[in-house]
Amino acid sequence: MLNDTLTEALNEQMNYEFYSAHVYLAIAGYCAAESLDGFSNFFKVQAEEEKFHAMKIFKYINDRGKKVSFAGMNTPVNQYESILDAFEHAYLHEQEVTKRIYHLSDLALNDREHATMQFLKWFIDEQVEEEAMFDSIINKLKRIDKDSNAFYMLDAEFAQRSFTPPAAE
């Protein structure tokens, strides 16, 4: 059974996942204002993924017979020096998400809350993928010039990105 401390921490993470969507929508807005529609799409899709993560936690809290609790959000950064700056900001954000997921895992482990430990394994695996993706994109952006064909090819590639929720496990 989830204790109050773990329930509160799960609620905080659910709210942080919704905040993450907010962060990525703000970056999408920055990209759109820079006429980088593919990059904007990339971050809109990323926001959808974050909302999916939040709802996954929402469902888990409810499935465990506990109450979901919503909190307000901080205002995300809305302006960046460059697209590289935006991706570096997103990468740092994902590292914070990872840190938070690890904290939740530690709480579940300390409580010997095996169901929550199993539930959080999916998020741990997801964070490995998220950090690797942002790191890879940052490395590509550092190698290409904003005015190069490669930059516009990357923008076009991101325009094709979409989100399909994973099949129920």
Protein backbone atom coordinates (compact mmCIF):
# COMPACT_ATOMS: atom_id res chain seq x y z
CA MET A 1 0.00 0.00 0.00
CA LEU A 2 1.26 3.45 -0.84
CA ASN A 3 2.12 5.50 2.19
CA ASP A 4 1.43 9.23 2.33
CA THR A 5 5.05 10.21 1.57
CA LEU A 6 5.19 8.10 -1.60
CA THR A 7 1.73 9.24 -2.68
CA GLU A 8 2.76 12.88 -2.25
CA ALA A 9 5.96 12.27 -4.22
CA LEU A 10 4.04 10.58 -7.06
CA ASN A 11 1.64 13.54 -7.15
CA GLU A 12 4.60 15.93 -7.31
CA GLN A 13 6.05 13.95 -10.21
CA MET A 14 2.71 13.90 -12.03
CA ASN A 15 2.56 17.68 -11.70
CA TYR A 16 6.18 17.98 -12.86
CA GLU A 17 5.37 15.91 -15.96
CA PHE A 18 2.56 18.34 -16.78
CA TYR A 19 5.01 21.18 -16.19
CA SER A 20 7.42 19.45 -18.58
CA ALA A 21 4.72 19.59 -21.25
CA HIS A 22 4.39 23.31 -20.49
CA VAL A 23 8.17 23.75 -20.88
CA TYR A 24 8.15 22.01 -24.25
CA LEU A 25 5.16 23.98 -25.52
CA ALA A 26 7.03 27.18 -24.61
CA ILE A 27 10.02 25.98 -26.62
CA ALA A 28 7.68 25.04 -29.48
CA GLY A 29 6.37 28.61 -29.40
CA TYR A 30 9.91 29.99 -29.57
CA CYS A 31 10.67 27.73 -32.55
CA ALA A 32 7.47 28.75 -34.34
CA ALA A 33 8.32 32.42 -33.86
CA GLU A 34 11.70 31.69 -35.48
CA SER A 35 9.90 30.05 -38.46
CA LEU A 36 11.36 26.68 -37.54
CA ASP A 37 8.18 24.70 -37.92
CA GLY A 38 9.85 21.28 -37.81
CA PHE A 39 11.61 22.10 -34.55
CA SER A 40 8.32 23.49 -33.23
CA ASN A 41 6.62 20.21 -34.14
CA PHE A 42 9.39 18.27 -32.38
CA PHE A 43 8.67 20.08 -29.12
CA LYS A 44 4.87 19.85 -29.52
CA VAL A 45 5.26 16.08 -29.85
CA GLN A 46 7.57 16.10 -26.83
CA ALA A 47 4.84 17.93 -24.88
CA GLU A 48 2.35 15.20 -25.84
CA GLU A 49 4.74 12.57 -24.51
CA GLU A 50 5.07 14.44 -21.22
CA LYS A 51 1.28 14.65 -20.85
CA PHE A 52 1.14 10.90 -21.49
CA HIS A 53 3.70 10.37 -18.72
CA ALA A 54 1.66 12.54 -16.35
CA MET A 55 -1.52 10.64 -17.10
CA LYS A 56 0.28 7.33 -16.58
CA ILE A 57 1.13 8.48 -13.05
CA PHE A 58 -2.42 9.85 -12.59
CA LYS A 59 -3.83 6.41 -13.42
CA TYR A 60 -1.35 4.63 -11.16
CA ILE A 61 -2.20 6.80 -8.16
CA ASN A 62 -5.91 6.15 -8.74
CA ASP A 63 -5.36 2.43 -9.31
CA ARG A 64 -3.64 2.26 -5.93
CA GLY A 65 -6.65 3.82 -4.24
CA LYS A 66 -5.04 7.16 -3.55
CA LYS A 67 -6.09 10.70 -4.45
CA VAL A 68 -4.55 12.69 -7.26
CA SER A 69 -3.64 16.22 -6.27
CA PHE A 70 -2.89 19.08 -8.68
CA ALA A 71 -0.63 22.05 -8.00
CA GLY A 72 0.22 25.25 -9.86
CA MET A 73 3.13 25.58 -12.25
CA ASN A 74 6.10 27.87 -12.60
CA THR A 75 6.38 29.96 -15.74
CA PRO A 76 8.70 28.26 -18.23
CA VAL A 77 11.44 30.03 -20.15
CA ASN A 78 9.94 31.46 -23.34
CA GLN A 79 12.98 32.97 -25.07
CA TYR A 80 16.26 31.37 -26.07
CA GLU A 81 19.50 32.59 -27.65
CA SER A 82 19.35 29.90 -30.32
CA ILE A 83 17.84 26.55 -31.17
CA LEU A 84 20.93 24.96 -29.61
CA ASP A 85 20.24 26.89 -26.40
CA ALA A 86 16.65 25.60 -26.43
CA PHE A 87 17.79 21.99 -26.81
CA GLU A 88 20.43 22.39 -24.11
CA HIS A 89 17.73 23.77 -21.82
CA ALA A 90 15.51 20.77 -22.66
CA TYR A 91 18.38 18.36 -21.97
CA LEU A 92 18.99 19.90 -18.55
CA HIS A 93 15.26 19.63 -17.89
CA GLU A 94 15.31 15.92 -18.76
CA GLN A 95 18.25 15.40 -16.41
CA GLU A 96 16.14 16.95 -13.64
CA VAL A 97 13.27 14.59 -14.52
CA THR A 98 15.67 11.66 -14.26
CA LYS A 99 16.85 12.86 -10.85
CA ARG A 100 13.23 13.07 -9.69
CA ILE A 101 12.39 9.59 -10.99
CA TYR A 102 15.44 8.19 -9.20
CA HIS A 103 14.25 9.87 -5.99
CA LEU A 104 10.83 8.24 -6.40
CA SER A 105 12.52 4.88 -6.99
CA ASP A 106 14.58 5.32 -3.83
CA LEU A 107 11.43 6.06 -1.82
CA ALA A 108 9.69 2.98 -3.24
CA LEU A 109 12.75 0.82 -2.56
CA ASN A 110 13.02 2.07 1.03
CA ASP A 111 9.33 1.28 1.56
CA ARG A 112 9.71 -2.11 -0.15
CA GLU A 113 6.83 -0.94 -2.37
CA HIS A 114 7.44 -3.50 -5.12
CA ALA A 115 4.50 -2.52 -7.34
CA THR A 116 5.71 1.08 -7.44
CA MET A 117 9.28 -0.05 -8.09
CA GLN A 118 8.03 -2.04 -11.09
CA PHE A 119 5.88 0.87 -12.26
CA LEU A 120 8.84 3.27 -12.09
CA LYS A 121 11.10 0.96 -14.10
CA TRP A 122 9.24 2.09 -17.25
CA PHE A 123 10.04 5.72 -16.42
CA ILE A 124 13.71 4.93 -15.74
CA ASP A 125 13.99 3.26 -19.15
CA GLU A 126 12.16 6.18 -20.75
CA GLN A 127 14.58 8.68 -19.19
CA VAL A 128 17.58 6.84 -20.64
CA GLU A 129 15.98 7.24 -24.09
CA GLU A 130 15.03 10.89 -23.51
CA GLU A 131 18.49 11.94 -22.36
CA ALA A 132 20.19 10.03 -25.18
CA MET A 133 17.88 11.65 -27.77
CA PHE A 134 18.54 15.20 -26.55
CA ASP A 135 22.28 14.56 -26.26
CA SER A 136 22.38 13.25 -29.83
CA ILE A 137 20.44 16.22 -31.22
CA ILE A 138 22.68 18.67 -29.35
CA ASN A 139 25.76 17.01 -30.82
CA LYS A 140 24.27 17.28 -34.32
CA LEU A 141 23.37 20.93 -33.81
CA LYS A 142 26.90 21.71 -32.65
CA ARG A 143 28.30 20.20 -35.86
CA ILE A 144 26.06 22.09 -38.25
CA ASP A 145 25.67 25.77 -38.98
CA LYS A 146 22.20 27.31 -38.61
CA ASP A 147 22.35 28.50 -42.20
CA SER A 148 23.43 25.15 -43.65
CA ASN A 149 21.36 22.69 -45.62
CA ALA A 150 21.86 20.17 -42.81
CA PHE A 151 20.06 22.47 -40.38
CA TYR A 152 17.05 22.74 -42.68
CA MET A 153 17.11 18.99 -43.32
CA LEU A 154 16.95 18.42 -39.56
CA ASP A 155 14.05 20.89 -39.36
CA ALA A 156 12.26 18.96 -42.13
CA GLU A 157 12.96 15.65 -40.37
CA PHE A 158 11.44 16.94 -37.13
CA ALA A 159 8.35 18.09 -39.02
CA GLN A 160 7.59 14.39 -39.60
CA ARG A 161 7.80 13.42 -35.92
CA SER A 162 4.62 12.20 -34.27
CA PHE A 163 3.59 10.67 -30.97
CA THR A 164 1.95 7.28 -30.71
CA PRO A 165 1.33 6.18 -27.13
CA PRO A 166 2.95 2.83 -26.35
CA ALA A 167 0.66 -0.18 -26.32
CA ALA A 168 -0.74 -1.07 -22.92
CA GLU A 169 1.60 -3.34 -21.03
